[in-house]
Amino acid sequence: MHYKQVILVREDLAMSKGKTCAQVAHASLGSAEVAMEKCKSWYNAWKKEGQKKVVLKVKDEEEMRYYYEMAKKDMLPCYLVIDAGLTELPPHTPTALGIGPAPNEKIDKLTGKLKLL
């Protein structure tokens, strides 16, 4: 079995490249920390395989929240990034969603139709 993590980023926010990178990093780390606690075997296998990550885009907050709810329903480790509003965005803006690490098949079943960022 192979493992990966996906990070979903809202394309409607028009964040700078630096801001986008920071939000992706928050989502990746946050979701990995959830996996360390709740899905330790998935986390360890993902680490051993090289920590595969894929960054995908969603059109807006509504679509991102849909994937967040579906990931929770499917019992996948996930982490929703809510920006503090210190730089480019208003406070409490959801920006990115980390899902996994988890088995590729489980992640692909949920996010397989999304496009690369």
PDB file of N, CA and C in Angstrom:
ATOM      1  N   MET A   1       0.847  -1.183   0.000  1.00  0.00           N
ATOM      2  CA  MET A   1       0.000   0.000   0.000  1.00  0.00           C
ATOM      3  C   MET A   1       0.889   1.241   0.000  1.00  0.00           C
ATOM      4  N   HIS A   2       0.454   2.280  -0.701  1.00  0.00           N
ATOM      5  CA  HIS A   2       1.191   3.544  -0.750  1.00  0.00           C
ATOM      6  C   HIS A   2       0.355   4.648  -0.127  1.00  0.00           C
ATOM      7  N   TYR A   3       1.038   5.680   0.369  1.00  0.00           N
ATOM      8  CA  TYR A   3       0.398   6.740   1.135  1.00  0.00           C
ATOM      9  C   TYR A   3       0.761   8.107   0.573  1.00  0.00           C
ATOM     10  N   LYS A   4      -0.149   9.066   0.786  1.00  0.00           N
ATOM     11  CA  LYS A   4       0.137  10.441   0.388  1.00  0.00           C
ATOM     12  C   LYS A   4      -0.707  11.394   1.213  1.00  0.00           C
ATOM     13  N   GLN A   5      -0.398  12.641   1.037  1.00  0.00           N
ATOM     14  CA  GLN A   5      -1.143  13.724   1.650  1.00  0.00           C
ATOM     15  C   GLN A   5      -1.532  14.678   0.537  1.00  0.00           C
ATOM     16  N   VAL A   6      -2.733  15.231   0.607  1.00  0.00           N
ATOM     17  CA  VAL A   6      -3.116  16.278  -0.331  1.00  0.00           C
ATOM     18  C   VAL A   6      -3.416  17.550   0.446  1.00  0.00           C
ATOM     19  N   ILE A   7      -3.135  18.661  -0.183  1.00  0.00           N
ATOM     20  CA  ILE A   7      -3.447  19.958   0.384  1.00  0.00           C
ATOM     21  C   ILE A   7      -4.312  20.686  -0.630  1.00  0.00           C
ATOM     22  N   LEU A   8      -5.485  21.113  -0.189  1.00  0.00           N
ATOM     23  CA  LEU A   8      -6.407  21.847  -1.045  1.00  0.00           C
ATOM     24  C   LEU A   8      -6.282  23.327  -0.731  1.00  0.00           C
ATOM     25  N   VAL A   9      -6.202  24.150  -1.773  1.00  0.00           N
ATOM     26  CA  VAL A   9      -6.032  25.587  -1.620  1.00  0.00           C
ATOM     27  C   VAL A   9      -7.142  26.295  -2.385  1.00  0.00           C
ATOM     28  N   ARG A  10      -7.728  27.290  -1.747  1.00  0.00           N
ATOM     29  CA  ARG A  10      -8.775  28.090  -2.398  1.00  0.00           C
ATOM     30  C   ARG A  10      -8.169  28.989  -3.474  1.00  0.00           C
ATOM     31  N   GLU A  11      -8.717  28.909  -4.685  1.00  0.00           N
ATOM     32  CA  GLU A  11      -8.192  29.768  -5.752  1.00  0.00           C
ATOM     33  C   GLU A  11      -8.904  31.111  -5.823  1.00  0.00           C
ATOM     34  N   ASP A  12      -9.982  31.296  -5.075  1.00  0.00           N
ATOM     35  CA  ASP A  12     -10.723  32.561  -5.123  1.00  0.00           C
ATOM     36  C   ASP A  12     -10.097  33.649  -4.252  1.00  0.00           C
ATOM     37  N   LEU A  13      -9.105  33.315  -3.447  1.00  0.00           N
ATOM     38  CA  LEU A  13      -8.529  34.303  -2.531  1.00  0.00           C
ATOM     39  C   LEU A  13      -7.431  35.149  -3.159  1.00  0.00           C
ATOM     40  N   ALA A  14      -6.865  34.728  -4.256  1.00  0.00           N
ATOM     41  CA  ALA A  14      -5.791  35.472  -4.933  1.00  0.00           C
ATOM     42  C   ALA A  14      -4.662  35.815  -3.953  1.00  0.00           C
ATOM     43  N   MET A  15      -4.221  34.818  -3.184  1.00  0.00           N
ATOM     44  CA  MET A  15      -3.110  35.031  -2.256  1.00  0.00           C
ATOM     45  C   MET A  15      -1.802  35.143  -3.042  1.00  0.00           C
ATOM     46  N   SER A  16      -0.839  35.855  -2.480  1.00  0.00           N
ATOM     47  CA  SER A  16       0.486  35.918  -3.097  1.00  0.00           C
ATOM     48  C   SER A  16       1.100  34.523  -3.042  1.00  0.00           C
ATOM     49  N   LYS A  17       2.167  34.314  -3.811  1.00  0.00           N
ATOM     50  CA  LYS A  17       2.834  33.010  -3.800  1.00  0.00           C
ATOM     51  C   LYS A  17       3.366  32.676  -2.418  1.00  0.00           C
ATOM     52  N   GLY A  18       3.945  33.652  -1.749  1.00  0.00           N
ATOM     53  CA  GLY A  18       4.487  33.419  -0.416  1.00  0.00           C
ATOM     54  C   GLY A  18       3.400  33.054   0.586  1.00  0.00           C
ATOM     55  N   LYS A  19       2.296  33.762   0.531  1.00  0.00           N
ATOM     56  CA  LYS A  19       1.171  33.486   1.426  1.00  0.00           C
ATOM     57  C   LYS A  19       0.620  32.089   1.153  1.00  0.00           C
ATOM     58  N   THR A  20       0.478  31.744  -0.121  1.00  0.00           N
ATOM     59  CA  THR A  20      -0.020  30.418  -0.493  1.00  0.00           C
ATOM     60  C   THR A  20       0.907  29.336   0.045  1.00  0.00           C
ATOM     61  N   CYS A  21       2.211  29.521  -0.111  1.00  0.00           N
ATOM     62  CA  CYS A  21       3.179  28.538   0.393  1.00  0.00           C
ATOM     63  C   CYS A  21       3.050  28.377   1.908  1.00  0.00           C
ATOM     64  N   ALA A  22       2.896  29.472   2.620  1.00  0.00           N
ATOM     65  CA  ALA A  22       2.762  29.388   4.076  1.00  0.00           C
ATOM     66  C   ALA A  22       1.494  28.629   4.466  1.00  0.00           C
ATOM     67  N   GLN A  23       0.393  28.878   3.759  1.00  0.00           N
ATOM     68  CA  GLN A  23      -0.864  28.203   4.083  1.00  0.00           C
ATOM     69  C   GLN A  23      -0.778  26.710   3.775  1.00  0.00           C
ATOM     70  N   VAL A  24      -0.109  26.366   2.686  1.00  0.00           N
ATOM     71  CA  VAL A  24       0.104  24.953   2.342  1.00  0.00           C
ATOM     72  C   VAL A  24       0.941  24.279   3.433  1.00  0.00           C
ATOM     73  N   ALA A  25       1.968  24.966   3.917  1.00  0.00           N
ATOM     74  CA  ALA A  25       2.807  24.401   4.972  1.00  0.00           C
ATOM     75  C   ALA A  25       1.998  24.183   6.249  1.00  0.00           C
ATOM     76  N   HIS A  26       1.166  25.152   6.618  1.00  0.00           N
ATOM     77  CA  HIS A  26       0.308  24.999   7.800  1.00  0.00           C
ATOM     78  C   HIS A  26      -0.605  23.782   7.648  1.00  0.00           C
ATOM     79  N   ALA A  27      -1.218  23.634   6.478  1.00  0.00           N
ATOM     80  CA  ALA A  27      -2.151  22.527   6.238  1.00  0.00           C
ATOM     81  C   ALA A  27      -1.429  21.183   6.292  1.00  0.00           C
ATOM     82  N   SER A  28      -0.256  21.119   5.684  1.00  0.00           N
ATOM     83  CA  SER A  28       0.503  19.872   5.666  1.00  0.00           C
ATOM     84  C   SER A  28       0.913  19.454   7.074  1.00  0.00           C
ATOM     85  N   LEU A  29       1.490  20.372   7.812  1.00  0.00           N
ATOM     86  CA  LEU A  29       1.939  20.062   9.163  1.00  0.00           C
ATOM     87  C   LEU A  29       0.758  19.729  10.081  1.00  0.00           C
ATOM     88  N   GLY A  30      -0.292  20.529   9.995  1.00  0.00           N
ATOM     89  CA  GLY A  30      -1.454  20.292  10.852  1.00  0.00           C
ATOM     90  C   GLY A  30      -2.076  18.932  10.615  1.00  0.00           C
ATOM     91  N   SER A  31      -2.245  18.565   9.369  1.00  0.00           N
ATOM     92  CA  SER A  31      -2.836  17.276   9.036  1.00  0.00           C
ATOM     93  C   SER A  31      -1.910  16.123   9.424  1.00  0.00           C
ATOM     94  N   ALA A  32      -0.616  16.305   9.241  1.00  0.00           N
ATOM     95  CA  ALA A  32       0.345  15.270   9.647  1.00  0.00           C
ATOM     96  C   ALA A  32       0.306  15.068  11.159  1.00  0.00           C
ATOM     97  N   GLU A  33       0.170  16.145  11.923  1.00  0.00           N
ATOM     98  CA  GLU A  33       0.084  16.027  13.378  1.00  0.00           C
ATOM     99  C   GLU A  33      -1.177  15.271  13.796  1.00  0.00           C
ATOM    100  N   VAL A  34      -2.286  15.514  13.106  1.00  0.00           N
ATOM    101  CA  VAL A  34      -3.513  14.765  13.388  1.00  0.00           C
ATOM    102  C   VAL A  34      -3.282  13.281  13.105  1.00  0.00           C
ATOM    103  N   ALA A  35      -2.637  12.998  11.974  1.00  0.00           N
ATOM    104  CA  ALA A  35      -2.358  11.600  11.617  1.00  0.00           C
ATOM    105  C   ALA A  35      -1.435  10.932  12.637  1.00  0.00           C
ATOM    106  N   MET A  36      -0.447  11.669  13.142  1.00  0.00           N
ATOM    107  CA  MET A  36       0.461  11.101  14.153  1.00  0.00           C
ATOM    108  C   MET A  36      -0.315  10.631  15.377  1.00  0.00           C
ATOM    109  N   GLU A  37      -1.345  11.370  15.741  1.00  0.00           N
ATOM    110  CA  GLU A  37      -2.148  11.028  16.916  1.00  0.00           C
ATOM    111  C   GLU A  37      -3.177   9.940  16.630  1.00  0.00           C
ATOM    112  N   LYS A  38      -3.852  10.031  15.485  1.00  0.00           N
ATOM    113  CA  LYS A  38      -5.025   9.189  15.249  1.00  0.00           C
ATOM    114  C   LYS A  38      -4.804   8.042  14.273  1.00  0.00           C
ATOM    115  N   CYS A  39      -3.789   8.138  13.427  1.00  0.00           N
ATOM    116  CA  CYS A  39      -3.535   7.115  12.390  1.00  0.00           C
ATOM    117  C   CYS A  39      -2.039   6.855  12.309  1.00  0.00           C
ATOM    118  N   LYS A  40      -1.453   6.462  13.419  1.00  0.00           N
ATOM    119  CA  LYS A  40       0.000   6.361  13.524  1.00  0.00           C
ATOM    120  C   LYS A  40       0.617   5.448  12.461  1.00  0.00           C
ATOM    121  N   SER A  41      -0.043   4.331  12.138  1.00  0.00           N
ATOM    122  CA  SER A  41       0.534   3.424  11.142  1.00  0.00           C
ATOM    123  C   SER A  41       0.561   4.081   9.761  1.00  0.00           C
ATOM    124  N   TRP A  42      -0.465   4.841   9.414  1.00  0.00           N
ATOM    125  CA  TRP A  42      -0.477   5.564   8.132  1.00  0.00           C
ATOM    126  C   TRP A  42       0.628   6.602   8.118  1.00  0.00           C
ATOM    127  N   TYR A  43       0.747   7.351   9.207  1.00  0.00           N
ATOM    128  CA  TYR A  43       1.779   8.384   9.300  1.00  0.00           C
ATOM    129  C   TYR A  43       3.174   7.776   9.143  1.00  0.00           C
ATOM    130  N   ASN A  44       3.436   6.693   9.867  1.00  0.00           N
ATOM    131  CA  ASN A  44       4.760   6.063   9.799  1.00  0.00           C
ATOM    132  C   ASN A  44       5.066   5.522   8.411  1.00  0.00           C
ATOM    133  N   ALA A  45       4.077   4.912   7.767  1.00  0.00           N
ATOM    134  CA  ALA A  45       4.289   4.386   6.407  1.00  0.00           C
ATOM    135  C   ALA A  45       4.561   5.529   5.431  1.00  0.00           C
ATOM    136  N   TRP A  46       3.823   6.616   5.551  1.00  0.00           N
ATOM    137  CA  TRP A  46       3.998   7.802   4.696  1.00  0.00           C
ATOM    138  C   TRP A  46       5.401   8.382   4.876  1.00  0.00           C
ATOM    139  N   LYS A  47       5.852   8.487   6.123  1.00  0.00           N
ATOM    140  CA  LYS A  47       7.197   8.993   6.386  1.00  0.00           C
ATOM    141  C   LYS A  47       8.244   8.090   5.740  1.00  0.00           C
ATOM    142  N   LYS A  48       8.058   6.789   5.873  1.00  0.00           N
ATOM    143  CA  LYS A  48       9.017   5.817   5.339  1.00  0.00           C
ATOM    144  C   LYS A  48       9.078   5.888   3.815  1.00  0.00           C
ATOM    145  N   GLU A  49       7.929   6.177   3.169  1.00  0.00           N
ATOM    146  CA  GLU A  49       7.861   6.230   1.703  1.00  0.00           C
ATOM    147  C   GLU A  49       8.345   7.553   1.117  1.00  0.00           C
ATOM    148  N   GLY A  50       8.621   8.546   1.943  1.00  0.00           N
ATOM    149  CA  GLY A  50       9.126   9.812   1.416  1.00  0.00           C
ATOM    150  C   GLY A  50       8.186  10.993   1.531  1.00  0.00           C
ATOM    151  N   GLN A  51       7.076  10.838   2.234  1.00  0.00           N
ATOM    152  CA  GLN A  51       6.156  11.944   2.527  1.00  0.00           C
ATOM    153  C   GLN A  51       5.565  12.596   1.276  1.00  0.00           C
ATOM    154  N   LYS A  52       4.999  11.806   0.389  1.00  0.00           N
ATOM    155  CA  LYS A  52       4.399  12.331  -0.845  1.00  0.00           C
ATOM    156  C   LYS A  52       3.296  13.327  -0.516  1.00  0.00           C
ATOM    157  N   LYS A  53       3.346  14.476  -1.214  1.00  0.00           N
ATOM    158  CA  LYS A  53       2.349  15.535  -1.058  1.00  0.00           C
ATOM    159  C   LYS A  53       1.904  16.007  -2.440  1.00  0.00           C
ATOM    160  N   VAL A  54       0.623  16.320  -2.560  1.00  0.00           N
ATOM    161  CA  VAL A  54       0.072  16.855  -3.802  1.00  0.00           C
ATOM    162  C   VAL A  54      -0.783  18.065  -3.431  1.00  0.00           C
ATOM    163  N   VAL A  55      -0.576  19.192  -4.125  1.00  0.00           N
ATOM    164  CA  VAL A  55      -1.339  20.403  -3.847  1.00  0.00           C
ATOM    165  C   VAL A  55      -2.368  20.593  -4.962  1.00  0.00           C
ATOM    166  N   LEU A  56      -3.626  20.680  -4.554  1.00  0.00           N
ATOM    167  CA  LEU A  56      -4.757  20.773  -5.476  1.00  0.00           C
ATOM    168  C   LEU A  56      -5.537  22.055  -5.214  1.00  0.00           C
ATOM    169  N   LYS A  57      -6.360  22.446  -6.179  1.00  0.00           N
ATOM    170  CA  LYS A  57      -7.135  23.675  -6.002  1.00  0.00           C
ATOM    171  C   LYS A  57      -8.623  23.377  -5.886  1.00  0.00           C
ATOM    172  N   VAL A  58      -9.276  24.214  -5.082  1.00  0.00           N
ATOM    173  CA  VAL A  58     -10.731  24.237  -4.993  1.00  0.00           C
ATOM    174  C   VAL A  58     -11.159  25.662  -5.298  1.00  0.00           C
ATOM    175  N   LYS A  59     -12.387  25.811  -5.785  1.00  0.00           N
ATOM    176  CA  LYS A  59     -12.788  27.135  -6.270  1.00  0.00           C
ATOM    177  C   LYS A  59     -13.066  28.137  -5.160  1.00  0.00           C
ATOM    178  N   ASP A  60     -13.583  27.668  -4.006  1.00  0.00           N
ATOM    179  CA  ASP A  60     -13.982  28.624  -2.977  1.00  0.00           C
ATOM    180  C   ASP A  60     -14.129  27.944  -1.622  1.00  0.00           C
ATOM    181  N   GLU A  61     -14.543  28.717  -0.636  1.00  0.00           N
ATOM    182  CA  GLU A  61     -14.701  28.190   0.719  1.00  0.00           C
ATOM    183  C   GLU A  61     -15.742  27.076   0.782  1.00  0.00           C
ATOM    184  N   GLU A  62     -16.830  27.229   0.073  1.00  0.00           N
ATOM    185  CA  GLU A  62     -17.882  26.211   0.097  1.00  0.00           C
ATOM    186  C   GLU A  62     -17.359  24.852  -0.371  1.00  0.00           C
ATOM    187  N   GLU A  63     -16.606  24.851  -1.468  1.00  0.00           N
ATOM    188  CA  GLU A  63     -16.061  23.594  -1.968  1.00  0.00           C
ATOM    189  C   GLU A  63     -15.037  23.012  -0.986  1.00  0.00           C
ATOM    190  N   MET A  64     -14.210  23.874  -0.403  1.00  0.00           N
ATOM    191  CA  MET A  64     -13.217  23.390   0.543  1.00  0.00           C
ATOM    192  C   MET A  64     -13.892  22.783   1.774  1.00  0.00           C
ATOM    193  N   ARG A  65     -14.926  23.438   2.274  1.00  0.00           N
ATOM    194  CA  ARG A  65     -15.636  22.903   3.437  1.00  0.00           C
ATOM    195  C   ARG A  65     -16.333  21.584   3.101  1.00  0.00           C
ATOM    196  N   TYR A  66     -16.794  21.406   1.880  1.00  0.00           N
ATOM    197  CA  TYR A  66     -17.371  20.130   1.460  1.00  0.00           C
ATOM    198  C   TYR A  66     -16.334  19.012   1.616  1.00  0.00           C
ATOM    199  N   TYR A  67     -15.118  19.243   1.118  1.00  0.00           N
ATOM    200  CA  TYR A  67     -14.068  18.234   1.216  1.00  0.00           C
ATOM    201  C   TYR A  67     -13.653  18.001   2.667  1.00  0.00           C
ATOM    202  N   TYR A  68     -13.678  19.035   3.473  1.00  0.00           N
ATOM    203  CA  TYR A  68     -13.367  18.895   4.898  1.00  0.00           C
ATOM    204  C   TYR A  68     -14.381  17.967   5.577  1.00  0.00           C
ATOM    205  N   GLU A  69     -15.646  18.209   5.322  1.00  0.00           N
ATOM    206  CA  GLU A  69     -16.691  17.371   5.924  1.00  0.00           C
ATOM    207  C   GLU A  69     -16.617  15.929   5.413  1.00  0.00           C
ATOM    208  N   MET A  70     -16.344  15.764   4.137  1.00  0.00           N
ATOM    209  CA  MET A  70     -16.247  14.418   3.566  1.00  0.00           C
ATOM    210  C   MET A  70     -15.018  13.678   4.125  1.00  0.00           C
ATOM    211  N   ALA A  71     -13.911  14.387   4.287  1.00  0.00           N
ATOM    212  CA  ALA A  71     -12.707  13.758   4.856  1.00  0.00           C
ATOM    213  C   ALA A  71     -12.991  13.285   6.281  1.00  0.00           C
ATOM    214  N   LYS A  72     -13.658  14.119   7.067  1.00  0.00           N
ATOM    215  CA  LYS A  72     -14.003  13.716   8.428  1.00  0.00           C
ATOM    216  C   LYS A  72     -14.952  12.519   8.408  1.00  0.00           C
ATOM    217  N   LYS A  73     -15.928  12.547   7.510  1.00  0.00           N
ATOM    218  CA  LYS A  73     -16.878  11.440   7.398  1.00  0.00           C
ATOM    219  C   LYS A  73     -16.155  10.138   7.041  1.00  0.00           C
ATOM    220  N   ASP A  74     -15.155  10.235   6.164  1.00  0.00           N
ATOM    221  CA  ASP A  74     -14.378   9.065   5.745  1.00  0.00           C
ATOM    222  C   ASP A  74     -13.283   8.696   6.758  1.00  0.00           C
ATOM    223  N   MET A  75     -13.246   9.429   7.876  1.00  0.00           N
ATOM    224  CA  MET A  75     -12.276   9.189   8.951  1.00  0.00           C
ATOM    225  C   MET A  75     -10.833   9.341   8.490  1.00  0.00           C
ATOM    226  N   LEU A  76     -10.599  10.310   7.604  1.00  0.00           N
ATOM    227  CA  LEU A  76      -9.254  10.637   7.153  1.00  0.00           C
ATOM    228  C   LEU A  76      -8.695  11.749   8.034  1.00  0.00           C
ATOM    229  N   PRO A  77      -7.422  11.687   8.386  1.00  0.00           N
ATOM    230  CA  PRO A  77      -6.843  12.798   9.140  1.00  0.00           C
ATOM    231  C   PRO A  77      -6.900  14.059   8.282  1.00  0.00           C
ATOM    232  N   CYS A  78      -7.322  15.157   8.889  1.00  0.00           N
ATOM    233  CA  CYS A  78      -7.426  16.399   8.122  1.00  0.00           C
ATOM    234  C   CYS A  78      -7.273  17.597   9.054  1.00  0.00           C
ATOM    235  N   TYR A  79      -6.938  18.730   8.434  1.00  0.00           N
ATOM    236  CA  TYR A  79      -6.712  19.958   9.194  1.00  0.00           C
ATOM    237  C   TYR A  79      -7.085  21.144   8.324  1.00  0.00           C
ATOM    238  N   LEU A  80      -8.015  21.955   8.813  1.00  0.00           N
ATOM    239  CA  LEU A  80      -8.471  23.152   8.100  1.00  0.00           C
ATOM    240  C   LEU A  80      -7.709  24.359   8.636  1.00  0.00           C
ATOM    241  N   VAL A  81      -7.039  25.076   7.747  1.00  0.00           N
ATOM    242  CA  VAL A  81      -6.273  26.262   8.132  1.00  0.00           C
ATOM    243  C   VAL A  81      -7.191  27.472   8.129  1.00  0.00           C
ATOM    244  N   ILE A  82      -7.237  28.164   9.262  1.00  0.00           N
ATOM    245  CA  ILE A  82      -7.995  29.411   9.398  1.00  0.00           C
ATOM    246  C   ILE A  82      -6.971  30.516   9.640  1.00  0.00           C
ATOM    247  N   ASP A  83      -6.867  31.444   8.702  1.00  0.00           N
ATOM    248  CA  ASP A  83      -5.846  32.486   8.772  1.00  0.00           C
ATOM    249  C   ASP A  83      -6.129  33.479   9.898  1.00  0.00           C
ATOM    250  N   ALA A  84      -5.072  33.938  10.536  1.00  0.00           N
ATOM    251  CA  ALA A  84      -5.190  34.887  11.646  1.00  0.00           C
ATOM    252  C   ALA A  84      -5.485  36.308  11.179  1.00  0.00           C
ATOM    253  N   GLY A  85      -5.264  36.585   9.903  1.00  0.00           N
ATOM    254  CA  GLY A  85      -5.565  37.912   9.384  1.00  0.00           C
ATOM    255  C   GLY A  85      -4.499  38.954   9.657  1.00  0.00           C
ATOM    256  N   LEU A  86      -3.263  38.529   9.815  1.00  0.00           N
ATOM    257  CA  LEU A  86      -2.192  39.476  10.131  1.00  0.00           C
ATOM    258  C   LEU A  86      -1.555  40.098   8.896  1.00  0.00           C
ATOM    259  N   THR A  87      -1.782  39.534   7.716  1.00  0.00           N
ATOM    260  CA  THR A  87      -1.124  40.067   6.511  1.00  0.00           C
ATOM    261  C   THR A  87      -2.130  40.363   5.414  1.00  0.00           C
ATOM    262  N   GLU A  88      -2.417  39.413   4.554  1.00  0.00           N
ATOM    263  CA  GLU A  88      -3.185  39.675   3.332  1.00  0.00           C
ATOM    264  C   GLU A  88      -4.691  39.475   3.442  1.00  0.00           C
ATOM    265  N   LEU A  89      -5.129  38.727   4.428  1.00  0.00           N
ATOM    266  CA  LEU A  89      -6.531  38.307   4.468  1.00  0.00           C
ATOM    267  C   LEU A  89      -7.216  38.783   5.738  1.00  0.00           C
ATOM    268  N   PRO A  90      -8.543  38.886   5.695  1.00  0.00           N
ATOM    269  CA  PRO A  90      -9.278  39.205   6.922  1.00  0.00           C
ATOM    270  C   PRO A  90      -9.128  38.075   7.944  1.00  0.00           C
ATOM    271  N   PRO A  91      -9.216  38.395   9.232  1.00  0.00           N
ATOM    272  CA  PRO A  91      -9.137  37.341  10.252  1.00  0.00           C
ATOM    273  C   PRO A  91     -10.206  36.270  10.039  1.00  0.00           C
ATOM    274  N   HIS A  92      -9.851  35.045  10.393  1.00  0.00           N
ATOM    275  CA  HIS A  92     -10.763  33.889  10.364  1.00  0.00           C
ATOM    276  C   HIS A  92     -11.112  33.429   8.948  1.00  0.00           C
ATOM    277  N   THR A  93     -10.239  33.709   7.976  1.00  0.00           N
ATOM    278  CA  THR A  93     -10.458  33.253   6.606  1.00  0.00           C
ATOM    279  C   THR A  93      -9.927  31.835   6.439  1.00  0.00           C
ATOM    280  N   PRO A  94     -10.781  30.860   6.072  1.00  0.00           N
ATOM    281  CA  PRO A  94     -10.284  29.518   5.767  1.00  0.00           C
ATOM    282  C   PRO A  94      -9.512  29.556   4.443  1.00  0.00           C
ATOM    283  N   THR A  95      -8.294  29.043   4.451  1.00  0.00           N
ATOM    284  CA  THR A  95      -7.435  29.178   3.268  1.00  0.00           C
ATOM    285  C   THR A  95      -7.038  27.857   2.620  1.00  0.00           C
ATOM    286  N   ALA A  96      -6.800  26.834   3.440  1.00  0.00           N
ATOM    287  CA  ALA A  96      -6.262  25.569   2.919  1.00  0.00           C
ATOM    288  C   ALA A  96      -6.738  24.420   3.795  1.00  0.00           C
ATOM    289  N   LEU A  97      -6.692  23.241   3.207  1.00  0.00           N
ATOM    290  CA  LEU A  97      -7.115  22.032   3.906  1.00  0.00           C
ATOM    291  C   LEU A  97      -6.116  20.921   3.633  1.00  0.00           C
ATOM    292  N   GLY A  98      -5.552  20.366   4.686  1.00  0.00           N
ATOM    293  CA  GLY A  98      -4.684  19.213   4.556  1.00  0.00           C
ATOM    294  C   GLY A  98      -5.485  17.946   4.800  1.00  0.00           C
ATOM    295  N   ILE A  99      -5.310  16.950   3.947  1.00  0.00           N
ATOM    296  CA  ILE A  99      -5.954  15.647   4.110  1.00  0.00           C
ATOM    297  C   ILE A  99      -4.873  14.578   4.011  1.00  0.00           C
ATOM    298  N   GLY A 100      -4.811  13.724   5.023  1.00  0.00           N
ATOM    299  CA  GLY A 100      -3.812  12.678   5.062  1.00  0.00           C
ATOM    300  C   GLY A 100      -2.613  13.105   5.869  1.00  0.00           C
ATOM    301  N   PRO A 101      -1.636  12.246   5.942  1.00  0.00           N
ATOM    302  CA  PRO A 101      -1.394  11.089   5.100  1.00  0.00           C
ATOM    303  C   PRO A 101      -2.404   9.965   5.340  1.00  0.00           C
ATOM    304  N   ALA A 102      -2.698   9.301   4.227  1.00  0.00           N
ATOM    305  CA  ALA A 102      -3.626   8.179   4.213  1.00  0.00           C
ATOM    306  C   ALA A 102      -3.323   7.342   2.981  1.00  0.00           C
ATOM    307  N   PRO A 103      -3.897   6.139   2.906  1.00  0.00           N
ATOM    308  CA  PRO A 103      -3.687   5.328   1.705  1.00  0.00           C
ATOM    309  C   PRO A 103      -4.119   6.076   0.437  1.00  0.00           C
ATOM    310  N   ASN A 104      -3.323   5.957  -0.611  1.00  0.00           N
ATOM    311  CA  ASN A 104      -3.624   6.626  -1.885  1.00  0.00           C
ATOM    312  C   ASN A 104      -5.065   6.405  -2.322  1.00  0.00           C
ATOM    313  N   GLU A 105      -5.543   5.169  -2.202  1.00  0.00           N
ATOM    314  CA  GLU A 105      -6.884   4.842  -2.693  1.00  0.00           C
ATOM    315  C   GLU A 105      -7.956   5.653  -1.971  1.00  0.00           C
ATOM    316  N   LYS A 106      -7.799   5.834  -0.676  1.00  0.00           N
ATOM    317  CA  LYS A 106      -8.779   6.586   0.106  1.00  0.00           C
ATOM    318  C   LYS A 106      -8.750   8.068  -0.268  1.00  0.00           C
ATOM    319  N   ILE A 107      -7.556   8.601  -0.437  1.00  0.00           N
ATOM    320  CA  ILE A 107      -7.419  10.017  -0.812  1.00  0.00           C
ATOM    321  C   ILE A 107      -7.950  10.234  -2.226  1.00  0.00           C
ATOM    322  N   ASP A 108      -7.573   9.350  -3.163  1.00  0.00           N
ATOM    323  CA  ASP A 108      -7.998   9.504  -4.552  1.00  0.00           C
ATOM    324  C   ASP A 108      -9.505   9.390  -4.703  1.00  0.00           C
ATOM    325  N   LYS A 109     -10.121   8.544  -3.904  1.00  0.00           N
ATOM    326  CA  LYS A 109     -11.576   8.394  -3.958  1.00  0.00           C
ATOM    327  C   LYS A 109     -12.255   9.724  -3.638  1.00  0.00           C
ATOM    328  N   LEU A 110     -11.682  10.482  -2.711  1.00  0.00           N
ATOM    329  CA  LEU A 110     -12.256  11.762  -2.307  1.00  0.00           C
ATOM    330  C   LEU A 110     -11.841  12.910  -3.220  1.00  0.00           C
ATOM    331  N   THR A 111     -10.567  13.007  -3.565  1.00  0.00           N
ATOM    332  CA  THR A 111     -10.045  14.216  -4.233  1.00  0.00           C
ATOM    333  C   THR A 111      -9.562  13.967  -5.663  1.00  0.00           C
ATOM    334  N   GLY A 112      -9.784  12.780  -6.186  1.00  0.00           N
ATOM    335  CA  GLY A 112      -9.213  12.402  -7.471  1.00  0.00           C
ATOM    336  C   GLY A 112      -9.621  13.250  -8.670  1.00  0.00           C
ATOM    337  N   LYS A 113     -10.710  13.985  -8.565  1.00  0.00           N
ATOM    338  CA  LYS A 113     -11.168  14.817  -9.694  1.00  0.00           C
ATOM    339  C   LYS A 113     -10.668  16.258  -9.640  1.00  0.00           C
ATOM    340  N   LEU A 114      -9.992  16.613  -8.560  1.00  0.00           N
ATOM    341  CA  LEU A 114      -9.493  17.973  -8.439  1.00  0.00           C
ATOM    342  C   LEU A 114      -8.224  18.161  -9.258  1.00  0.00           C
ATOM    343  N   LYS A 115      -7.976  19.403  -9.668  1.00  0.00           N
ATOM    344  CA  LYS A 115      -6.816  19.734 -10.502  1.00  0.00           C
ATOM    345  C   LYS A 115      -5.664  20.264  -9.642  1.00  0.00           C
ATOM    346  N   LEU A 116      -4.450  20.097 -10.167  1.00  0.00           N
ATOM    347  CA  LEU A 116      -3.266  20.641  -9.499  1.00  0.00           C
ATOM    348  C   LEU A 116      -3.354  22.152  -9.414  1.00  0.00           C
ATOM    349  N   LEU A 117      -2.796  22.694  -8.335  1.00  0.00           N
ATOM    350  CA  LEU A 117      -2.770  24.144  -8.158  1.00  0.00           C
ATOM    351  C   LEU A 117      -1.815  24.769  -9.147  1.00  0.00           C
TER     352      LEU A 117
END
